[in-house]
Amino acid sequence: ADMPLLCQEYIAGGDETLVFGELLLDRGKPVFGMTGRKVLSHPPGQGQATVAETHVDAEVLRLTEQFFAGTQLSGPAALELKRDPQGRHWVIEPTIGRTEFLVELCIAAGFNQPWMEFQLALGWPVPAPGPLIERVWYDCERDPLVYLKSCVKSLGATPRGKSPVFPYYGHGDNPPLWKACRRFVSDRAARLMQR
């Protein structure tokens, strides 16, 4: 039941070495792309991002475009890389045909992948976004207190000097936010009751 097994060589380095490129492709050709980096992940240095930020890196964008070149793919695509202690980039994970959970970071930065993909699918012109805006994304679903912990650590409401973005907050649609808050409180209460 556990087969097939997938093994991957461990690349030394913490969260700060995890970078990613996000693209929108049209038959393998990049329509637009941006780059970012993980600030925190779970498990540390090898897991899903709990904090990620925009970060301009021409080499990461070049490597992402190179990875998908000649594929004839259309739609969103992403490539996560890890920079080893010698500065070399190693492919960690490609994402093809869907946006990543941190798509809100891209949208808030000005790269609205879902809308641009919709335009592309309908054959409409897909204008390039304007200059991207610096943002930092907090996964308050996986780690509900990550933003508050970051604020305390930085002694301010804008850790890392960039405007914060959250999965469930800021769209005028608050029921998902309240549901996540209720789930967090009930999970914590259940844990306390077990002790």
N, C-alpha and C. Protein backbone atom coordinates (compact mmCIF):
# COMPACT_ATOMS: atom_id res chain seq x y z
N ALA A 1 0.83 -1.21 0.00
CA ALA A 1 0.00 0.00 0.00
C ALA A 1 0.86 1.25 0.00
N ASP A 2 2.11 1.15 0.43
CA ASP A 2 3.00 2.32 0.48
C ASP A 2 3.80 2.51 -0.79
N MET A 3 3.62 1.65 -1.77
CA MET A 3 4.40 1.75 -3.00
C MET A 3 3.65 2.61 -4.01
N PRO A 4 4.29 3.30 -4.93
CA PRO A 4 5.74 3.35 -5.06
C PRO A 4 6.34 4.36 -4.09
N LEU A 5 7.56 4.13 -3.69
CA LEU A 5 8.27 5.07 -2.82
C LEU A 5 8.99 6.10 -3.68
N LEU A 6 9.03 7.32 -3.21
CA LEU A 6 9.76 8.38 -3.90
C LEU A 6 10.86 8.85 -2.97
N CYS A 7 12.09 8.76 -3.41
CA CYS A 7 13.23 9.20 -2.60
C CYS A 7 13.87 10.41 -3.25
N GLN A 8 14.35 11.31 -2.43
CA GLN A 8 15.00 12.51 -2.93
C GLN A 8 16.19 12.82 -2.03
N GLU A 9 17.29 13.14 -2.64
CA GLU A 9 18.48 13.49 -1.87
C GLU A 9 18.20 14.75 -1.06
N TYR A 10 18.65 14.76 0.19
CA TYR A 10 18.45 15.94 1.04
C TYR A 10 19.47 17.01 0.66
N ILE A 11 19.00 18.20 0.42
CA ILE A 11 19.87 19.34 0.10
C ILE A 11 19.96 20.19 1.35
N ALA A 12 21.18 20.42 1.83
CA ALA A 12 21.38 21.19 3.06
C ALA A 12 20.86 22.61 2.90
N GLY A 13 20.33 23.17 3.99
CA GLY A 13 19.87 24.55 3.98
C GLY A 13 18.51 24.68 4.62
N GLY A 14 18.25 25.86 5.15
CA GLY A 14 16.99 26.13 5.83
C GLY A 14 15.97 26.76 4.91
N ASP A 15 14.93 27.31 5.53
CA ASP A 15 13.83 27.92 4.77
C ASP A 15 14.30 29.01 3.81
N GLU A 16 15.31 29.77 4.23
CA GLU A 16 15.76 30.90 3.42
C GLU A 16 16.36 30.47 2.08
N THR A 17 16.63 29.16 1.90
CA THR A 17 17.20 28.66 0.65
C THR A 17 16.14 28.16 -0.33
N LEU A 18 14.86 28.17 0.08
CA LEU A 18 13.77 27.71 -0.77
C LEU A 18 13.19 28.88 -1.57
N VAL A 19 13.27 28.78 -2.89
CA VAL A 19 12.80 29.84 -3.78
C VAL A 19 11.84 29.22 -4.80
N PHE A 20 11.06 30.07 -5.45
CA PHE A 20 10.12 29.54 -6.44
C PHE A 20 9.88 30.55 -7.55
N GLY A 21 9.52 30.00 -8.70
CA GLY A 21 9.10 30.80 -9.85
C GLY A 21 7.68 30.43 -10.19
N GLU A 22 6.87 31.43 -10.49
CA GLU A 22 5.46 31.25 -10.86
C GLU A 22 5.28 31.76 -12.29
N LEU A 23 4.64 30.96 -13.14
CA LEU A 23 4.45 31.33 -14.54
C LEU A 23 3.00 31.16 -14.97
N LEU A 24 2.64 31.86 -16.02
CA LEU A 24 1.46 31.54 -16.81
C LEU A 24 2.00 31.20 -18.18
N LEU A 25 1.68 30.01 -18.67
CA LEU A 25 2.20 29.53 -19.95
C LEU A 25 1.10 29.51 -21.02
N ASP A 26 1.51 29.76 -22.25
CA ASP A 26 0.65 29.61 -23.42
C ASP A 26 1.39 28.73 -24.41
N ARG A 27 1.00 27.46 -24.46
CA ARG A 27 1.66 26.46 -25.31
C ARG A 27 3.18 26.43 -25.06
N GLY A 28 3.54 26.44 -23.79
CA GLY A 28 4.94 26.34 -23.41
C GLY A 28 5.70 27.65 -23.36
N LYS A 29 5.09 28.71 -23.83
CA LYS A 29 5.75 30.02 -23.83
C LYS A 29 5.27 30.83 -22.64
N PRO A 30 6.19 31.44 -21.88
CA PRO A 30 5.78 32.25 -20.74
C PRO A 30 5.00 33.50 -21.16
N VAL A 31 3.82 33.67 -20.58
CA VAL A 31 3.04 34.89 -20.78
C VAL A 31 3.51 35.93 -19.75
N PHE A 32 3.72 35.45 -18.51
CA PHE A 32 4.21 36.31 -17.44
C PHE A 32 4.75 35.42 -16.34
N GLY A 33 5.66 35.96 -15.55
CA GLY A 33 6.20 35.20 -14.44
C GLY A 33 6.68 36.11 -13.32
N MET A 34 6.81 35.52 -12.15
CA MET A 34 7.35 36.23 -11.00
C MET A 34 8.08 35.22 -10.12
N THR A 35 8.85 35.72 -9.19
CA THR A 35 9.59 34.85 -8.28
C THR A 35 9.34 35.25 -6.84
N GLY A 36 9.62 34.32 -5.96
CA GLY A 36 9.47 34.56 -4.53
C GLY A 36 10.35 33.61 -3.75
N ARG A 37 10.24 33.69 -2.45
CA ARG A 37 11.00 32.77 -1.59
C ARG A 37 10.18 32.45 -0.35
N LYS A 38 10.48 31.29 0.19
CA LYS A 38 9.84 30.90 1.45
C LYS A 38 10.60 31.56 2.59
N VAL A 39 9.88 31.98 3.58
CA VAL A 39 10.47 32.55 4.78
C VAL A 39 10.41 31.51 5.90
N LEU A 40 9.27 30.83 6.00
CA LEU A 40 9.08 29.73 6.95
C LEU A 40 8.34 28.61 6.24
N SER A 41 8.67 27.38 6.61
CA SER A 41 7.93 26.24 6.08
C SER A 41 7.79 25.20 7.18
N HIS A 42 6.86 24.28 6.96
CA HIS A 42 6.67 23.21 7.94
C HIS A 42 6.60 21.88 7.21
N PRO A 43 7.50 20.93 7.49
CA PRO A 43 8.62 21.03 8.42
C PRO A 43 9.70 21.98 7.88
N PRO A 44 10.47 22.60 8.79
CA PRO A 44 11.46 23.61 8.39
C PRO A 44 12.44 23.10 7.33
N GLY A 45 12.67 23.95 6.34
CA GLY A 45 13.65 23.66 5.30
C GLY A 45 13.24 22.64 4.27
N GLN A 46 12.06 22.07 4.39
CA GLN A 46 11.68 21.04 3.44
C GLN A 46 10.18 20.88 3.25
N GLY A 47 9.38 21.75 3.85
CA GLY A 47 7.94 21.53 3.81
C GLY A 47 7.16 22.60 3.10
N GLN A 48 5.86 22.58 3.37
CA GLN A 48 4.93 23.55 2.78
C GLN A 48 5.15 24.92 3.41
N ALA A 49 5.08 25.96 2.59
CA ALA A 49 5.31 27.32 3.09
C ALA A 49 4.24 27.73 4.08
N THR A 50 4.68 28.32 5.18
CA THR A 50 3.74 28.97 6.09
C THR A 50 3.90 30.48 5.99
N VAL A 51 5.07 30.94 5.53
CA VAL A 51 5.29 32.35 5.20
C VAL A 51 6.12 32.38 3.92
N ALA A 52 5.65 33.14 2.93
CA ALA A 52 6.37 33.30 1.66
C ALA A 52 6.28 34.76 1.26
N GLU A 53 7.27 35.20 0.49
CA GLU A 53 7.26 36.60 0.07
C GLU A 53 7.71 36.74 -1.37
N THR A 54 7.29 37.86 -1.97
CA THR A 54 7.80 38.19 -3.29
C THR A 54 9.29 38.49 -3.15
N HIS A 55 10.04 38.07 -4.13
CA HIS A 55 11.48 38.32 -4.12
C HIS A 55 11.96 38.22 -5.56
N VAL A 56 12.43 39.31 -6.11
CA VAL A 56 12.88 39.33 -7.51
C VAL A 56 14.20 38.58 -7.61
N ASP A 57 14.22 37.56 -8.49
CA ASP A 57 15.42 36.75 -8.70
C ASP A 57 15.42 36.31 -10.16
N ALA A 58 16.19 37.01 -10.98
CA ALA A 58 16.23 36.75 -12.43
C ALA A 58 16.68 35.33 -12.73
N GLU A 59 17.61 34.79 -11.94
CA GLU A 59 18.10 33.43 -12.18
C GLU A 59 17.01 32.40 -11.92
N VAL A 60 16.24 32.58 -10.87
CA VAL A 60 15.16 31.65 -10.56
C VAL A 60 14.10 31.70 -11.66
N LEU A 61 13.78 32.90 -12.14
CA LEU A 61 12.81 33.02 -13.24
C LEU A 61 13.34 32.35 -14.50
N ARG A 62 14.61 32.54 -14.80
CA ARG A 62 15.22 31.91 -15.98
C ARG A 62 15.16 30.38 -15.87
N LEU A 63 15.51 29.85 -14.70
CA LEU A 63 15.48 28.40 -14.50
C LEU A 63 14.06 27.85 -14.60
N THR A 64 13.09 28.60 -14.08
CA THR A 64 11.69 28.16 -14.16
C THR A 64 11.23 28.12 -15.62
N GLU A 65 11.54 29.17 -16.37
CA GLU A 65 11.18 29.20 -17.79
C GLU A 65 11.88 28.08 -18.55
N GLN A 66 13.14 27.82 -18.23
CA GLN A 66 13.91 26.76 -18.88
C GLN A 66 13.29 25.39 -18.59
N PHE A 67 12.85 25.18 -17.36
CA PHE A 67 12.28 23.90 -16.96
C PHE A 67 11.04 23.57 -17.81
N PHE A 68 10.20 24.57 -18.07
CA PHE A 68 8.95 24.34 -18.79
C PHE A 68 9.06 24.58 -20.30
N ALA A 69 10.22 25.02 -20.78
CA ALA A 69 10.40 25.32 -22.20
C ALA A 69 10.14 24.08 -23.05
N GLY A 70 9.41 24.27 -24.14
CA GLY A 70 9.15 23.19 -25.07
C GLY A 70 8.10 22.19 -24.62
N THR A 71 7.36 22.48 -23.56
CA THR A 71 6.38 21.51 -23.03
C THR A 71 5.03 21.59 -23.73
N GLN A 72 4.73 22.69 -24.39
CA GLN A 72 3.42 22.92 -25.00
C GLN A 72 2.31 23.03 -23.97
N LEU A 73 2.64 23.24 -22.69
CA LEU A 73 1.65 23.40 -21.64
C LEU A 73 1.03 24.80 -21.67
N SER A 74 -0.23 24.88 -21.31
CA SER A 74 -0.90 26.17 -21.16
C SER A 74 -1.54 26.21 -19.78
N GLY A 75 -1.44 27.37 -19.12
CA GLY A 75 -2.02 27.54 -17.80
C GLY A 75 -0.94 27.85 -16.78
N PRO A 76 -1.31 27.78 -15.50
CA PRO A 76 -0.35 28.11 -14.44
C PRO A 76 0.68 26.98 -14.26
N ALA A 77 1.89 27.38 -13.93
CA ALA A 77 2.96 26.43 -13.64
C ALA A 77 3.90 27.08 -12.64
N ALA A 78 4.51 26.27 -11.80
CA ALA A 78 5.44 26.80 -10.81
C ALA A 78 6.58 25.81 -10.62
N LEU A 79 7.71 26.31 -10.18
CA LEU A 79 8.86 25.47 -9.89
C LEU A 79 9.47 25.92 -8.58
N GLU A 80 9.58 24.97 -7.63
CA GLU A 80 10.25 25.25 -6.37
C GLU A 80 11.68 24.73 -6.47
N LEU A 81 12.61 25.55 -6.05
CA LEU A 81 14.03 25.22 -6.08
C LEU A 81 14.63 25.41 -4.70
N LYS A 82 15.73 24.74 -4.46
CA LYS A 82 16.47 24.95 -3.22
C LYS A 82 17.92 25.26 -3.59
N ARG A 83 18.43 26.33 -3.00
CA ARG A 83 19.81 26.74 -3.26
C ARG A 83 20.72 26.06 -2.24
N ASP A 84 21.68 25.27 -2.73
CA ASP A 84 22.57 24.55 -1.81
C ASP A 84 23.68 25.48 -1.30
N PRO A 85 24.49 25.03 -0.34
CA PRO A 85 25.54 25.90 0.22
C PRO A 85 26.55 26.41 -0.82
N GLN A 86 26.67 25.72 -1.96
CA GLN A 86 27.57 26.17 -3.03
C GLN A 86 26.89 27.14 -4.00
N GLY A 87 25.59 27.43 -3.77
CA GLY A 87 24.86 28.38 -4.61
C GLY A 87 24.17 27.75 -5.80
N ARG A 88 24.22 26.43 -5.93
CA ARG A 88 23.55 25.75 -7.04
C ARG A 88 22.07 25.56 -6.70
N HIS A 89 21.23 25.61 -7.73
CA HIS A 89 19.79 25.40 -7.55
C HIS A 89 19.44 23.95 -7.86
N TRP A 90 18.62 23.35 -6.98
CA TRP A 90 18.13 22.00 -7.17
C TRP A 90 16.61 22.04 -7.29
N VAL A 91 16.08 21.29 -8.25
CA VAL A 91 14.63 21.23 -8.41
C VAL A 91 14.05 20.42 -7.25
N ILE A 92 13.08 21.01 -6.57
CA ILE A 92 12.39 20.34 -5.47
C ILE A 92 11.03 19.84 -5.93
N GLU A 93 10.26 20.72 -6.58
CA GLU A 93 8.91 20.31 -6.95
C GLU A 93 8.36 21.22 -8.04
N PRO A 94 7.91 20.63 -9.16
CA PRO A 94 7.16 21.41 -10.14
C PRO A 94 5.66 21.31 -9.83
N THR A 95 4.93 22.35 -10.15
CA THR A 95 3.47 22.34 -10.05
C THR A 95 2.94 22.71 -11.43
N ILE A 96 2.10 21.86 -11.98
CA ILE A 96 1.66 22.04 -13.36
C ILE A 96 0.14 21.97 -13.43
N GLY A 97 -0.48 22.93 -14.13
CA GLY A 97 -1.90 22.87 -14.41
C GLY A 97 -2.81 23.35 -13.30
N ARG A 98 -2.24 23.87 -12.23
CA ARG A 98 -3.05 24.43 -11.16
C ARG A 98 -2.22 25.49 -10.44
N THR A 99 -2.92 26.39 -9.79
CA THR A 99 -2.20 27.37 -8.98
C THR A 99 -1.79 26.72 -7.68
N GLU A 100 -0.82 27.32 -7.03
CA GLU A 100 -0.40 26.84 -5.72
C GLU A 100 -1.29 27.46 -4.65
N PHE A 101 -1.24 26.90 -3.43
CA PHE A 101 -2.05 27.45 -2.35
C PHE A 101 -1.68 28.90 -2.07
N LEU A 102 -0.43 29.27 -2.32
CA LEU A 102 -0.01 30.65 -2.07
C LEU A 102 -0.32 31.58 -3.25
N VAL A 103 -1.27 31.18 -4.10
CA VAL A 103 -1.65 32.00 -5.26
C VAL A 103 -2.06 33.41 -4.83
N GLU A 104 -2.57 33.54 -3.60
CA GLU A 104 -2.97 34.87 -3.11
C GLU A 104 -1.78 35.82 -3.07
N LEU A 105 -0.58 35.29 -2.83
CA LEU A 105 0.62 36.13 -2.87
C LEU A 105 0.81 36.71 -4.26
N CYS A 106 0.66 35.86 -5.28
CA CYS A 106 0.80 36.32 -6.66
C CYS A 106 -0.25 37.37 -7.01
N ILE A 107 -1.50 37.08 -6.64
CA ILE A 107 -2.60 38.00 -6.96
C ILE A 107 -2.38 39.34 -6.27
N ALA A 108 -2.05 39.32 -4.98
CA ALA A 108 -1.84 40.57 -4.23
C ALA A 108 -0.64 41.35 -4.77
N ALA A 109 0.33 40.64 -5.33
CA ALA A 109 1.51 41.31 -5.89
C ALA A 109 1.20 41.95 -7.24
N GLY A 110 0.08 41.55 -7.86
CA GLY A 110 -0.31 42.11 -9.15
C GLY A 110 -0.30 41.11 -10.29
N PHE A 111 0.07 39.86 -10.03
CA PHE A 111 0.09 38.80 -11.02
C PHE A 111 -1.12 37.90 -10.76
N ASN A 112 -2.26 38.25 -11.34
CA ASN A 112 -3.50 37.52 -11.10
C ASN A 112 -3.58 36.31 -12.03
N GLN A 113 -2.89 35.24 -11.64
CA GLN A 113 -2.84 34.03 -12.46
C GLN A 113 -4.22 33.51 -12.87
N PRO A 114 -5.17 33.36 -11.94
CA PRO A 114 -6.47 32.82 -12.36
C PRO A 114 -7.18 33.68 -13.41
N TRP A 115 -7.16 34.99 -13.23
CA TRP A 115 -7.82 35.87 -14.19
C TRP A 115 -7.11 35.83 -15.54
N MET A 116 -5.79 35.84 -15.52
CA MET A 116 -5.03 35.79 -16.77
C MET A 116 -5.24 34.45 -17.48
N GLU A 117 -5.35 33.37 -16.72
CA GLU A 117 -5.61 32.06 -17.32
C GLU A 117 -7.00 32.04 -17.95
N PHE A 118 -7.98 32.65 -17.31
CA PHE A 118 -9.33 32.77 -17.85
C PHE A 118 -9.30 33.53 -19.17
N GLN A 119 -8.58 34.65 -19.20
CA GLN A 119 -8.46 35.43 -20.44
C GLN A 119 -7.82 34.59 -21.54
N LEU A 120 -6.76 33.87 -21.19
CA LEU A 120 -6.05 33.03 -22.15
C LEU A 120 -6.96 31.93 -22.70
N ALA A 121 -7.73 31.28 -21.81
CA ALA A 121 -8.63 30.20 -22.23
C ALA A 121 -9.70 30.68 -23.19
N LEU A 122 -10.15 31.92 -23.02
CA LEU A 122 -11.18 32.47 -23.91
C LEU A 122 -10.61 33.08 -25.18
N GLY A 123 -9.28 33.08 -25.30
CA GLY A 123 -8.65 33.65 -26.48
C GLY A 123 -8.59 35.17 -26.46
N TRP A 124 -8.83 35.76 -25.30
CA TRP A 124 -8.75 37.20 -25.15
C TRP A 124 -7.29 37.64 -25.07
N PRO A 125 -7.02 38.90 -25.33
CA PRO A 125 -5.66 39.40 -25.09
C PRO A 125 -5.35 39.32 -23.59
N VAL A 126 -4.12 39.00 -23.26
CA VAL A 126 -3.69 38.90 -21.86
C VAL A 126 -2.63 39.97 -21.62
N PRO A 127 -3.08 41.16 -21.19
CA PRO A 127 -2.09 42.22 -20.96
C PRO A 127 -1.19 41.89 -19.78
N ALA A 128 0.08 42.24 -19.90
CA ALA A 128 1.03 42.03 -18.80
C ALA A 128 0.67 42.94 -17.64
N PRO A 129 0.79 42.43 -16.42
CA PRO A 129 0.53 43.28 -15.25
C PRO A 129 1.53 44.42 -15.18
N GLY A 130 1.18 45.43 -14.42
CA GLY A 130 2.11 46.52 -14.18
C GLY A 130 3.22 46.05 -13.25
N PRO A 131 4.00 46.97 -12.74
CA PRO A 131 5.06 46.58 -11.80
C PRO A 131 4.48 45.85 -10.60
N LEU A 132 5.15 44.77 -10.19
CA LEU A 132 4.66 43.98 -9.07
C LEU A 132 4.87 44.72 -7.76
N ILE A 133 4.00 44.41 -6.80
CA ILE A 133 4.02 45.04 -5.48
C ILE A 133 4.63 44.04 -4.50
N GLU A 134 5.51 44.51 -3.64
CA GLU A 134 6.13 43.65 -2.64
C GLU A 134 5.09 43.22 -1.60
N ARG A 135 4.98 41.91 -1.37
CA ARG A 135 4.01 41.35 -0.42
C ARG A 135 4.65 40.19 0.35
N VAL A 136 4.04 39.87 1.48
CA VAL A 136 4.42 38.68 2.23
C VAL A 136 3.13 37.96 2.61
N TRP A 137 3.11 36.64 2.41
CA TRP A 137 1.91 35.82 2.57
C TRP A 137 2.07 34.94 3.81
N TYR A 138 1.01 34.88 4.62
CA TYR A 138 1.00 34.09 5.85
C TYR A 138 -0.07 33.01 5.74
N ASP A 139 0.33 31.76 5.89
CA ASP A 139 -0.62 30.65 5.86
C ASP A 139 -1.19 30.46 7.26
N CYS A 140 -2.22 31.21 7.55
CA CYS A 140 -2.86 31.15 8.87
C CYS A 140 -3.78 29.95 9.00
N GLU A 141 -3.88 29.13 7.96
CA GLU A 141 -4.63 27.88 8.10
C GLU A 141 -3.72 26.81 8.70
N ARG A 142 -2.52 26.67 8.17
CA ARG A 142 -1.58 25.68 8.69
C ARG A 142 -1.02 26.10 10.05
N ASP A 143 -0.73 27.38 10.19
CA ASP A 143 -0.19 27.91 11.45
C ASP A 143 -0.97 29.19 11.78
N PRO A 144 -2.10 29.07 12.48
CA PRO A 144 -2.99 30.22 12.71
C PRO A 144 -2.34 31.42 13.40
N LEU A 145 -1.28 31.21 14.14
CA LEU A 145 -0.65 32.32 14.86
C LEU A 145 0.62 32.83 14.20
N VAL A 146 0.90 32.38 12.98
CA VAL A 146 2.18 32.73 12.34
C VAL A 146 2.33 34.24 12.14
N TYR A 147 1.26 34.92 11.76
CA TYR A 147 1.37 36.37 11.57
C TYR A 147 1.63 37.07 12.91
N LEU A 148 0.88 36.70 13.94
CA LEU A 148 1.08 37.32 15.25
C LEU A 148 2.49 37.06 15.77
N LYS A 149 2.98 35.82 15.60
CA LYS A 149 4.35 35.51 16.04
C LYS A 149 5.37 36.35 15.27
N SER A 150 5.12 36.56 13.98
CA SER A 150 6.03 37.38 13.16
C SER A 150 6.00 38.83 13.61
N CYS A 151 4.81 39.34 13.96
CA CYS A 151 4.68 40.72 14.45
C CYS A 151 5.44 40.90 15.76
N VAL A 152 5.29 39.95 16.66
CA VAL A 152 5.99 40.03 17.95
C VAL A 152 7.50 40.00 17.73
N LYS A 153 7.95 39.10 16.86
CA LYS A 153 9.38 38.96 16.59
C LYS A 153 9.96 40.23 15.98
N SER A 154 9.20 40.88 15.09
CA SER A 154 9.71 42.08 14.41
C SER A 154 9.32 43.38 15.11
N LEU A 155 8.49 43.26 16.17
CA LEU A 155 8.01 44.43 16.91
C LEU A 155 7.26 45.42 16.01
N GLY A 156 6.43 44.88 15.10
CA GLY A 156 5.66 45.76 14.23
C GLY A 156 4.58 45.00 13.48
N ALA A 157 3.67 45.75 12.85
CA ALA A 157 2.54 45.14 12.15
C ALA A 157 2.87 44.77 10.70
N THR A 158 4.04 45.15 10.21
CA THR A 158 4.44 44.77 8.86
C THR A 158 5.80 44.08 8.90
N PRO A 159 5.81 42.84 9.41
CA PRO A 159 7.07 42.09 9.42
C PRO A 159 7.64 42.00 8.01
N ARG A 160 8.95 42.06 7.92
CA ARG A 160 9.68 41.99 6.65
C ARG A 160 9.46 43.24 5.80
N GLY A 161 8.74 44.26 6.32
CA GLY A 161 8.57 45.52 5.61
C GLY A 161 7.66 45.45 4.41
N LYS A 162 6.85 44.42 4.32
CA LYS A 162 5.94 44.25 3.18
C LYS A 162 4.53 44.07 3.70
N SER A 163 3.55 44.53 2.92
CA SER A 163 2.15 44.38 3.32
C SER A 163 1.78 42.91 3.39
N PRO A 164 1.06 42.51 4.47
CA PRO A 164 0.69 41.10 4.63
C PRO A 164 -0.50 40.69 3.77
N VAL A 165 -0.52 39.41 3.42
CA VAL A 165 -1.60 38.79 2.66
C VAL A 165 -1.95 37.49 3.37
N PHE A 166 -3.25 37.17 3.43
CA PHE A 166 -3.72 35.98 4.13
C PHE A 166 -4.64 35.17 3.24
N PRO A 167 -4.71 33.84 3.45
CA PRO A 167 -5.59 33.01 2.62
C PRO A 167 -7.07 33.38 2.72
N TYR A 168 -7.57 33.75 3.91
CA TYR A 168 -9.01 33.93 4.08
C TYR A 168 -9.44 35.34 4.42
N TYR A 169 -8.55 36.28 4.40
CA TYR A 169 -8.91 37.61 4.88
C TYR A 169 -8.64 38.65 3.80
N GLY A 170 -9.57 39.59 3.65
CA GLY A 170 -9.33 40.70 2.76
C GLY A 170 -10.11 40.67 1.47
N HIS A 171 -11.10 39.82 1.35
CA HIS A 171 -11.87 39.73 0.11
C HIS A 171 -13.32 40.13 0.30
N GLY A 172 -13.68 40.57 1.49
CA GLY A 172 -15.07 40.90 1.75
C GLY A 172 -15.94 39.66 1.91
N ASP A 173 -15.31 38.50 2.02
CA ASP A 173 -16.01 37.24 2.19
C ASP A 173 -15.48 36.60 3.48
N ASN A 174 -16.08 36.99 4.61
CA ASN A 174 -15.53 36.58 5.90
C ASN A 174 -15.94 35.20 6.43
N PRO A 175 -17.00 34.53 5.95
CA PRO A 175 -17.33 33.21 6.50
C PRO A 175 -16.16 32.21 6.51
N PRO A 176 -15.33 32.10 5.45
CA PRO A 176 -14.20 31.16 5.55
C PRO A 176 -13.23 31.53 6.68
N LEU A 177 -13.03 32.82 6.90
CA LEU A 177 -12.15 33.26 7.98
C LEU A 177 -12.72 32.84 9.34
N TRP A 178 -14.01 33.10 9.56
CA TRP A 178 -14.62 32.75 10.83
C TRP A 178 -14.65 31.25 11.04
N LYS A 179 -14.87 30.49 9.97
CA LYS A 179 -14.85 29.03 10.07
C LYS A 179 -13.47 28.54 10.48
N ALA A 180 -12.42 29.10 9.88
CA ALA A 180 -11.05 28.72 10.23
C ALA A 180 -10.75 29.10 11.68
N CYS A 181 -11.22 30.26 12.13
CA CYS A 181 -11.00 30.68 13.52
C CYS A 181 -11.71 29.73 14.50
N ARG A 182 -12.97 29.38 14.19
CA ARG A 182 -13.71 28.45 15.04
C ARG A 182 -13.00 27.08 15.11
N ARG A 183 -12.51 26.61 13.96
CA ARG A 183 -11.82 25.33 13.94
C ARG A 183 -10.55 25.39 14.78
N PHE A 184 -9.80 26.50 14.68
CA PHE A 184 -8.58 26.67 15.47
C PHE A 184 -8.90 26.64 16.97
N VAL A 185 -9.92 27.41 17.39
CA VAL A 185 -10.28 27.48 18.80
C VAL A 185 -10.76 26.11 19.30
N SER A 186 -11.60 25.43 18.52
CA SER A 186 -12.11 24.13 18.96
C SER A 186 -10.99 23.09 19.02
N ASP A 187 -10.04 23.14 18.06
CA ASP A 187 -8.90 22.21 18.09
C ASP A 187 -8.04 22.45 19.33
N ARG A 188 -7.78 23.71 19.64
CA ARG A 188 -6.97 24.04 20.83
C ARG A 188 -7.69 23.63 22.11
N ALA A 189 -8.98 23.87 22.15
CA ALA A 189 -9.76 23.48 23.34
C ALA A 189 -9.75 21.96 23.51
N ALA A 190 -9.89 21.22 22.43
CA ALA A 190 -9.87 19.75 22.49
C ALA A 190 -8.51 19.26 23.01
N ARG A 191 -7.44 19.90 22.56
CA ARG A 191 -6.10 19.50 23.02
C ARG A 191 -5.94 19.77 24.52
N LEU A 192 -6.46 20.92 24.97
CA LEU A 192 -6.37 21.23 26.39
C LEU A 192 -7.18 20.25 27.22
N MET A 193 -8.34 19.84 26.71
CA MET A 193 -9.20 18.91 27.44
C MET A 193 -8.54 17.53 27.54
N GLN A 194 -7.76 17.15 26.54
CA GLN A 194 -7.08 15.85 26.57
C GLN A 194 -5.97 15.81 27.61
N ARG A 195 -5.40 16.96 27.90
CA ARG A 195 -4.31 17.02 28.88
C ARG A 195 -4.89 16.86 30.25
